[in-house]
C-alpha cells in the first residue's frame, strides 16, 4: 500500500490524506455525541437520536448542492472552503450552549464532510486513468476504515478528561489538513468542462432524474444501505432483545474487531482486482456475501459463529463499496461527475433508515425475522443494481 502511495502524484495523495484525517476527526467525536448531548443538554435517548440522525440526513441531502458546486468551481477552492466549514463546525459545537445552534453546526460539519468526499471522488476521475480507479477507491476506503478503527479509542481517552477535548482534536485535524492543502494543493487541478455552465441546480436535477441508470443505482444503494449502512445499530437492537448485556457487549466487540481487521487487511488486496468492465458480476458476488452474512447472523449462537458471519458479511462490503464508486464514475458525464457522486451519497439515507426498519421488525415479528426483512431490502436493492448495470452496458 505504501508503495502505491509513492506511485501516485501529490494531488492524489492529498485527497487520500483528506479521507484519513477528516474521517479520523469524525470518528474521534461522533461516538461521544450521545454522551455529550445527554450530559450537556439533558436530552433523552429519543431526542439524541433525532438530533444526530436529523443532522446526518440533512448533510447527505445538502451534499446534492455540494455536487452541483463541484461541477462548477475549482476543487482547490472548494476543498479549502469546506475544510474551513468542517473546522468551524467542531469549534462551534464545542463552544455553543444553544441546542439549536449546536444542531446547525452539526449539520454544517456533516455537509462539509460530504462535499469534500464528493470533490475528492470526482477529482480522482480527472487525475487517474480508468485502470487505476479500483485501486485508489479501495485504498481510500482502507484509510477511512483505519480512521474509524483508531478514532473512537482516541476519543475515549480524551472524553475521559473532558467532553470538549474530542471536538477540539477533531477541529485541529481539520486545521492540519487545511494547512497542508493550502500549501501543497493543486491550484490548477482542472475543473468541469464548460458545457456545464449555465445549468441551474434544478435543471441539473432534471437531467439526473432522466438517467435511469443513476436512478436505479441510487434507489438500489438506499435500499442496500439499510443493510450495511449502520449494521452495528441493528445488531445491537437484536442482541438487546435476545441476549443479556454481557453477551451484547461481547458480540458487538467481536464483530467490530472482525469487520475492522478484514477491511484493513483485505480491502486493498481484493479491491484492486475489481474490473471496471465487469462491475455487475462483482456487485452480485458482493451482495450474495451480504445475504450469506445475514443468514449467518440469524442463526449465530456463539462468538465464533458471529465472527464467521461478520467475516462473510465484510467480504461483501469490501467488494460492493469500490464497485459502487466505479459504476458512478463510469456513467457520469465529465461535466456532471460531482452531481452523480452526490446522488450516490443519498445511500446514507438508507443507513439512517436501517435502525427504524429493524425496530419495527423486532416489535412485530420474531427476532430472527429481522434479518430476513433486511435480506428482502438487499434483494430488491440488488435487482436495481443489476438493472442499472444492464442499462449502462446497453448505453456503453
Protein backbone atom coordinates (compact mmCIF):
# COMPACT_ATOMS: atom_id res chain seq x y z
CA UNK A 1 0.00 0.00 0.00
CA UNK A 2 2.82 2.41 0.85
CA UNK A 3 4.48 1.66 -2.48
CA UNK A 4 1.23 2.58 -4.22
CA UNK A 5 1.04 5.88 -2.34
CA UNK A 6 4.55 6.76 -3.52
CA UNK A 7 3.45 5.93 -7.05
CA UNK A 8 0.61 8.49 -7.02
CA UNK A 9 1.08 12.21 -7.71
CA UNK A 10 0.95 14.62 -4.77
CA UNK A 11 -2.57 15.78 -5.71
CA UNK A 12 -3.93 12.24 -5.29
CA UNK A 13 -2.08 11.68 -2.01
CA UNK A 14 -3.52 14.90 -0.60
CA UNK A 15 -7.03 13.76 -1.48
CA UNK A 16 -6.33 10.43 0.22
CA UNK A 17 -4.99 12.39 3.22
CA UNK A 18 -8.30 14.25 3.39
CA UNK A 19 -10.12 10.91 3.64
CA UNK A 20 -7.92 9.78 6.52
CA UNK A 21 -7.54 13.00 8.53
CA UNK A 22 -11.12 14.25 8.24
CA UNK A 23 -12.61 10.81 8.86
CA UNK A 24 -10.34 10.46 11.89
CA UNK A 25 -11.71 13.76 13.17
CA UNK A 26 -15.24 12.48 12.61
CA UNK A 27 -14.54 9.13 14.29
CA UNK A 28 -12.98 10.77 17.35
CA UNK A 29 -16.11 12.78 18.14
CA UNK A 30 -19.22 11.09 16.71
CA UNK A 31 -19.29 8.09 19.11
CA UNK A 32 -19.40 10.50 22.06
CA UNK A 33 -22.10 12.82 20.76
CA UNK A 34 -24.70 10.74 22.59
CA UNK A 35 -22.89 11.25 25.91
CA UNK A 36 -22.28 14.92 25.18
CA UNK A 37 -25.88 15.68 24.24
CA UNK A 38 -27.19 13.74 27.23
CA UNK A 39 -24.91 15.37 29.80
CA UNK A 40 -24.62 18.88 28.33
CA UNK A 41 -28.21 19.39 27.16
CA UNK A 42 -30.10 16.83 29.26
CA UNK A 43 -31.69 15.11 26.25
CA UNK A 44 -33.28 11.67 26.43
CA UNK A 45 -32.29 8.85 24.09
CA UNK A 46 -35.03 9.50 21.51
CA UNK A 47 -34.18 13.21 21.32
CA UNK A 48 -30.48 12.43 20.91
CA UNK A 49 -31.32 10.07 18.05
CA UNK A 50 -33.42 12.77 16.39
CA UNK A 51 -30.61 15.34 16.63
CA UNK A 52 -27.83 13.07 15.32
CA UNK A 53 -29.97 11.30 12.71
CA UNK A 54 -31.50 14.57 11.52
CA UNK A 55 -28.07 16.14 11.06
CA UNK A 56 -26.77 13.13 9.11
CA UNK A 57 -29.79 13.14 6.80
CA UNK A 58 -29.59 16.92 6.30
CA UNK A 59 -25.89 16.70 5.48
CA UNK A 60 -26.49 13.96 2.91
CA UNK A 61 -29.33 15.83 1.21
CA UNK A 62 -27.40 19.10 1.18
CA UNK A 63 -24.45 17.31 -0.42
CA UNK A 64 -26.50 17.30 -3.65
CA UNK A 65 -25.90 21.03 -3.84
CA UNK A 66 -22.27 20.38 -2.96
CA UNK A 67 -22.10 18.12 -6.01
CA UNK A 68 -23.55 20.93 -8.11
CA UNK A 69 -20.79 23.25 -6.82
CA UNK A 70 -18.19 20.58 -7.57
CA UNK A 71 -19.20 20.71 -11.23
CA UNK A 72 -18.78 24.47 -11.35
CA UNK A 73 -16.00 25.62 -9.06
CA UNK A 74 -12.30 24.89 -8.61
CA UNK A 75 -11.64 21.76 -6.50
CA UNK A 76 -8.89 23.68 -4.70
CA UNK A 77 -11.24 26.44 -3.58
CA UNK A 78 -14.00 24.01 -2.64
CA UNK A 79 -11.74 21.82 -0.51
CA UNK A 80 -10.27 24.80 1.31
CA UNK A 81 -13.66 26.40 1.87
CA UNK A 82 -15.42 23.29 3.12
CA UNK A 83 -12.47 22.20 5.26
CA UNK A 84 -12.82 25.59 6.94
CA UNK A 85 -16.52 24.79 7.42
CA UNK A 86 -15.54 21.38 8.86
CA UNK A 87 -13.28 23.08 11.43
CA UNK A 88 -15.88 25.73 12.27
CA UNK A 89 -18.49 23.02 12.84
CA UNK A 90 -16.43 21.32 15.56
CA UNK A 91 -15.35 24.57 17.20
CA UNK A 92 -18.94 25.83 17.19
CA UNK A 93 -20.33 22.59 18.68
CA UNK A 94 -17.74 22.80 21.43
CA UNK A 95 -18.39 26.44 22.35
CA UNK A 96 -22.15 26.92 21.99
CA UNK A 97 -24.65 26.45 24.81
CA UNK A 98 -27.68 26.55 22.50
CA UNK A 99 -29.04 23.22 21.26
CA UNK A 100 -30.38 24.86 18.09
CA UNK A 101 -27.00 26.38 17.26
CA UNK A 102 -25.31 23.06 18.11
CA UNK A 103 -27.60 21.30 15.64
CA UNK A 104 -26.80 23.84 12.91
CA UNK A 105 -23.06 23.39 13.46
CA UNK A 106 -23.54 19.60 13.38
CA UNK A 107 -25.35 19.91 10.05
CA UNK A 108 -22.59 22.21 8.75
CA UNK A 109 -19.88 19.71 9.71
CA UNK A 110 -21.74 16.82 8.04
CA UNK A 111 -22.42 18.93 4.95
CA UNK A 112 -18.74 19.90 4.70
CA UNK A 113 -17.57 16.31 5.13
CA UNK A 114 -19.98 15.09 2.43
CA UNK A 115 -18.93 17.78 -0.06
CA UNK A 116 -15.21 17.13 0.42
CA UNK A 117 -15.96 13.43 -0.11
CA UNK A 118 -17.72 14.25 -3.41
CA UNK A 119 -14.96 16.61 -4.58
CA UNK A 120 -12.28 14.01 -3.84
CA UNK A 121 -14.08 11.18 -5.67
CA UNK A 122 -14.83 13.40 -8.67
CA UNK A 123 -11.19 14.56 -8.78
CA UNK A 124 -9.82 11.03 -8.85
CA UNK A 125 -11.50 10.59 -12.23
CA UNK A 126 -9.66 13.62 -13.57
CA UNK A 127 -6.28 12.71 -12.07
CA UNK A 128 -6.02 8.99 -12.78
CA UNK A 129 -6.64 6.67 -15.76
CA UNK A 130 -9.54 4.21 -15.68
CA UNK A 131 -7.41 1.20 -14.78
CA UNK A 132 -6.32 2.90 -11.53
CA UNK A 133 -9.88 3.55 -10.30
CA UNK A 134 -10.40 0.29 -8.38
CA UNK A 135 -7.01 0.61 -6.71
CA UNK A 136 -7.45 4.19 -5.50
CA UNK A 137 -11.04 3.70 -4.31
CA UNK A 138 -10.04 0.60 -2.36
CA UNK A 139 -7.04 2.38 -0.88
CA UNK A 140 -9.23 5.32 0.11
CA UNK A 141 -11.79 3.05 1.75
CA UNK A 142 -9.00 1.26 3.63
CA UNK A 143 -7.73 4.58 5.02
CA UNK A 144 -11.26 5.56 6.06
CA UNK A 145 -11.67 2.29 7.95
CA UNK A 146 -8.31 2.66 9.66
CA UNK A 147 -9.50 6.08 10.84
CA UNK A 148 -12.77 4.60 12.12
CA UNK A 149 -10.85 1.84 13.89
CA UNK A 150 -8.45 4.22 15.66
CA UNK A 151 -10.65 7.30 16.20
CA UNK A 152 -13.05 6.01 18.89
CA UNK A 153 -10.16 4.89 21.11
CA UNK A 154 -8.56 8.32 20.85
CA UNK A 155 -11.91 9.92 21.60
CA UNK A 156 -12.45 7.66 24.61
CA UNK A 157 -9.19 8.78 26.19
CA UNK A 158 -9.93 12.45 25.58
CA UNK A 159 -13.58 12.25 26.67
CA UNK A 160 -12.44 10.76 29.98
CA UNK A 161 -10.59 14.01 30.67
CA UNK A 162 -13.13 16.43 29.18
CA UNK A 163 -16.04 16.01 26.78
CA UNK A 164 -14.85 19.12 24.90
CA UNK A 165 -11.45 17.64 24.04
CA UNK A 166 -12.64 15.28 21.25
CA UNK A 167 -14.22 18.29 19.48
CA UNK A 168 -11.02 20.29 19.77
CA UNK A 169 -8.80 17.47 18.45
CA UNK A 170 -11.21 16.92 15.54
CA UNK A 171 -11.01 20.63 14.73
CA UNK A 172 -7.21 20.50 14.99
CA UNK A 173 -7.03 17.64 12.47
CA UNK A 174 -9.12 19.77 10.13
CA UNK A 175 -6.70 22.68 10.61
CA UNK A 176 -3.74 20.39 9.85
CA UNK A 177 -5.28 19.26 6.59
CA UNK A 178 -6.33 22.82 5.75
CA UNK A 179 -2.71 23.96 6.14
CA UNK A 180 -1.35 21.06 4.08
CA UNK A 181 -3.81 21.63 1.27
CA UNK A 182 -3.34 25.39 1.26
CA UNK A 183 0.41 24.89 0.84
CA UNK A 184 0.59 21.88 -1.45
CA UNK A 185 -2.84 21.50 -3.07
CA UNK A 186 -3.08 21.67 -6.83
CA UNK A 187 -4.44 25.15 -7.58
CA UNK A 188 -4.62 24.27 -11.26
CA UNK A 189 -6.50 20.98 -10.99
CA UNK A 190 -8.87 21.02 -13.92
CA UNK A 191 -12.49 21.52 -13.07
CA UNK A 192 -15.55 20.55 -15.11
CA UNK A 193 -15.90 21.32 -18.75
CA UNK A 194 -17.56 24.50 -19.88
CA UNK A 195 -20.56 22.51 -21.12
CA UNK A 196 -22.00 22.59 -17.63
CA UNK A 197 -22.05 26.37 -17.41
CA UNK A 198 -25.48 27.93 -17.43
CA UNK A 199 -27.20 24.84 -15.98
CA UNK A 200 -29.23 25.76 -12.92
CA UNK A 201 -29.34 23.42 -9.94
CA UNK A 202 -32.94 22.44 -10.77
CA UNK A 203 -32.04 21.85 -14.42
CA UNK A 204 -29.19 19.55 -13.44
CA UNK A 205 -31.56 17.69 -11.10
CA UNK A 206 -33.92 17.08 -14.01
CA UNK A 207 -31.04 15.74 -16.10
CA UNK A 208 -30.11 13.30 -13.33
CA UNK A 209 -33.68 12.07 -12.92
CA UNK A 210 -33.78 11.24 -16.63
CA UNK A 211 -30.75 8.96 -16.32
CA UNK A 212 -32.40 5.64 -15.48
CA UNK A 213 -29.03 4.07 -14.73
CA UNK A 214 -28.39 6.60 -11.97
CA UNK A 215 -31.95 6.38 -10.61
CA UNK A 216 -31.73 2.57 -10.41
CA UNK A 217 -28.34 2.72 -8.77
CA UNK A 218 -29.30 5.45 -6.29
CA UNK A 219 -32.52 3.75 -5.16
CA UNK A 220 -30.72 0.40 -5.09
CA UNK A 221 -27.99 2.00 -2.97
CA UNK A 222 -30.52 3.43 -0.50
CA UNK A 223 -32.25 0.06 -0.10
CA UNK A 224 -28.97 -1.84 0.21
CA UNK A 225 -27.57 0.67 2.72
CA UNK A 226 -30.42 -0.26 5.07
CA UNK A 227 -28.40 -3.49 5.46
CA UNK A 228 -24.78 -2.33 5.54
CA UNK A 229 -25.03 1.36 6.44
CA UNK A 230 -25.48 1.01 10.23
CA UNK A 231 -25.11 -2.71 10.89
CA UNK A 232 -23.84 -2.23 14.47
CA UNK A 233 -27.05 -0.36 15.35
CA UNK A 234 -29.46 -3.09 14.27
CA UNK A 235 -27.25 -5.88 15.61
CA UNK A 236 -27.33 -4.10 18.98
CA UNK A 237 -31.12 -3.82 18.77
CA UNK A 238 -31.40 -7.54 18.05
CA UNK A 239 -28.96 -8.57 20.76
CA UNK A 240 -30.54 -6.38 23.45
CA UNK A 241 -33.78 -8.26 22.83
CA UNK A 242 -32.30 -11.76 22.68
CA UNK A 243 -29.24 -11.73 24.98
CA UNK A 244 -28.01 -10.47 28.32
CA UNK A 245 -25.96 -7.23 28.50
CA UNK A 246 -22.66 -9.08 28.87
CA UNK A 247 -23.32 -11.10 25.72
CA UNK A 248 -24.32 -7.95 23.82
CA UNK A 249 -21.01 -6.32 24.67
CA UNK A 250 -19.01 -9.44 23.77
CA UNK A 251 -20.71 -9.91 20.40
CA UNK A 252 -20.56 -6.25 19.34
CA UNK A 253 -16.87 -6.03 20.32
CA UNK A 254 -16.15 -9.21 18.34
CA UNK A 255 -17.98 -8.19 15.16
CA UNK A 256 -16.43 -4.72 15.20
CA UNK A 257 -12.95 -6.20 15.58
CA UNK A 258 -13.56 -8.69 12.75
CA UNK A 259 -15.03 -6.01 10.48
CA UNK A 260 -12.12 -3.62 11.02
CA UNK A 261 -9.50 -6.37 10.64
CA UNK A 262 -10.96 -7.73 7.38
CA UNK A 263 -11.42 -4.29 5.82
CA UNK A 264 -7.94 -3.09 6.76
CA UNK A 265 -6.30 -6.40 5.86
CA UNK A 266 -8.13 -7.30 2.65
CA UNK A 267 -9.81 -4.18 1.19
CA UNK A 268 -6.86 -3.06 -0.87
CA UNK A 269 -5.80 -6.58 -1.85
CA UNK A 270 -9.28 -7.52 -3.10
CA UNK A 271 -10.48 -4.14 -4.34
CA UNK A 272 -7.60 -3.52 -6.73
CA UNK A 273 -8.67 -6.56 -8.75
CA UNK A 274 -12.24 -5.35 -9.36
CA UNK A 275 -12.65 -4.97 -13.11
CA UNK A 276 -14.38 -1.80 -14.31
CA UNK A 277 -15.73 -3.71 -17.30
CA UNK A 278 -17.35 -6.42 -15.15
CA UNK A 279 -18.90 -4.43 -12.33
CA UNK A 280 -22.30 -6.16 -12.36
CA UNK A 281 -20.86 -9.67 -11.65
CA UNK A 282 -18.70 -8.21 -8.89
CA UNK A 283 -21.74 -6.49 -7.35
CA UNK A 284 -23.73 -9.73 -7.48
CA UNK A 285 -20.93 -11.57 -5.67
CA UNK A 286 -20.72 -8.83 -3.04
CA UNK A 287 -24.47 -8.78 -2.44
CA UNK A 288 -24.54 -12.59 -2.23
CA UNK A 289 -21.91 -12.40 0.53
CA UNK A 290 -24.05 -9.82 2.35
CA UNK A 291 -27.01 -12.22 2.16
CA UNK A 292 -24.91 -15.11 3.44
CA UNK A 293 -23.74 -12.92 6.31
CA UNK A 294 -27.33 -12.03 7.25
CA UNK A 295 -28.30 -15.71 7.28
CA UNK A 296 -25.29 -16.38 9.49
CA UNK A 297 -26.36 -13.64 11.93
CA UNK A 298 -29.87 -15.09 12.15
CA UNK A 299 -28.61 -18.49 13.34
CA UNK A 300 -25.50 -17.43 15.31
CA UNK A 301 -25.40 -18.53 18.96
CA UNK A 302 -21.67 -18.39 19.71
CA UNK A 303 -18.95 -15.78 19.34
CA UNK A 304 -17.27 -17.99 16.73
CA UNK A 305 -20.46 -18.09 14.66
CA UNK A 306 -20.92 -14.32 14.95
CA UNK A 307 -17.30 -13.77 13.90
CA UNK A 308 -17.65 -16.08 10.89
CA UNK A 309 -20.87 -14.41 9.78
CA UNK A 310 -19.26 -10.98 10.10
CA UNK A 311 -16.23 -12.17 8.12
CA UNK A 312 -18.51 -13.19 5.23
CA UNK A 313 -20.58 -10.01 5.55
CA UNK A 314 -17.43 -7.86 5.45
CA UNK A 315 -16.16 -9.62 2.32
CA UNK A 316 -19.32 -8.31 0.66
CA UNK A 317 -18.58 -4.84 1.99
CA UNK A 318 -15.05 -4.67 0.55
CA UNK A 319 -16.38 -5.64 -2.88
CA UNK A 320 -19.53 -3.52 -3.05
CA UNK A 321 -18.08 -0.18 -1.89
CA UNK A 322 -15.37 0.29 -4.55
CA UNK A 323 -17.65 -1.23 -7.21
CA UNK A 324 -20.29 1.41 -6.42
CA UNK A 325 -17.79 4.24 -6.85
CA UNK A 326 -16.52 2.80 -10.11
CA UNK A 327 -20.03 2.41 -11.50
CA UNK A 328 -20.81 6.07 -10.85
CA UNK A 329 -17.51 7.16 -12.38
CA UNK A 330 -18.29 5.02 -15.41
CA UNK A 331 -21.72 6.52 -16.15
CA UNK A 332 -21.15 10.12 -15.07
CA UNK A 333 -20.64 12.74 -17.80
CA UNK A 334 -17.41 14.64 -17.17
CA UNK A 335 -19.20 17.92 -16.52
CA UNK A 336 -21.68 16.34 -14.04
CA UNK A 337 -19.42 13.95 -12.14
CA UNK A 338 -19.86 15.86 -8.88
CA UNK A 339 -23.66 15.68 -9.02
CA UNK A 340 -23.56 11.96 -9.81
CA UNK A 341 -21.34 11.24 -6.81
CA UNK A 342 -23.56 13.45 -4.64
CA UNK A 343 -26.58 11.42 -5.76
CA UNK A 344 -24.74 8.28 -4.70
CA UNK A 345 -24.27 9.83 -1.23
CA UNK A 346 -28.04 9.64 -0.78
CA UNK A 347 -27.46 5.99 0.11
CA UNK A 348 -26.68 7.38 3.59
CA UNK A 349 -30.44 7.81 3.93
CA UNK A 350 -30.71 4.03 3.86
CA UNK A 351 -28.21 3.79 6.71
CA UNK A 352 -30.34 6.17 8.76
CA UNK A 353 -33.47 4.16 7.91
CA UNK A 354 -31.97 0.82 8.95
CA UNK A 355 -32.45 1.09 12.74
CA UNK A 356 -36.03 2.31 12.19
CA UNK A 357 -36.91 -0.64 9.93
CA UNK A 358 -35.28 -3.10 12.30
CA UNK A 359 -37.02 -1.59 15.32
CA UNK A 360 -40.40 -2.12 13.64
CA UNK A 361 -39.46 -5.66 12.60
CA UNK A 362 -38.40 -6.55 16.14
CA UNK A 363 -41.63 -5.09 17.53
CA UNK A 364 -43.94 -7.05 15.21
CA UNK A 365 -42.05 -10.23 14.21
CA UNK A 366 -39.91 -12.94 15.74
CA UNK A 367 -36.41 -11.52 16.44
CA UNK A 368 -34.60 -13.61 13.79
CA UNK A 369 -37.12 -12.48 11.17
CA UNK A 370 -35.46 -9.06 11.26
CA UNK A 371 -32.59 -10.47 9.22
CA UNK A 372 -34.97 -11.77 6.55
CA UNK A 373 -36.62 -8.35 6.32
CA UNK A 374 -33.13 -6.94 5.74
CA UNK A 375 -32.50 -9.64 3.15
CA UNK A 376 -35.62 -8.50 1.28
CA UNK A 377 -34.26 -4.94 1.14
CA UNK A 378 -30.96 -6.32 -0.15
CA UNK A 379 -32.61 -8.44 -2.86
CA UNK A 380 -34.67 -5.51 -4.18
CA UNK A 381 -31.68 -3.18 -3.99
CA UNK A 382 -29.51 -5.75 -5.74
CA UNK A 383 -32.09 -6.16 -8.51
CA UNK A 384 -31.96 -2.42 -9.10
CA UNK A 385 -28.14 -2.54 -9.17
CA UNK A 386 -28.29 -5.26 -11.83
CA UNK A 387 -30.90 -3.31 -13.82
CA UNK A 388 -28.75 -0.18 -13.67
CA UNK A 389 -25.73 -2.20 -14.76
CA UNK A 390 -27.57 -3.70 -17.71
CA UNK A 391 -28.77 -0.25 -18.80
CA UNK A 392 -25.18 1.03 -18.56
CA UNK A 393 -23.95 -1.81 -20.78
CA UNK A 394 -26.58 -1.00 -23.40
CA UNK A 395 -25.61 2.66 -23.41
CA UNK A 396 -21.90 1.79 -23.35
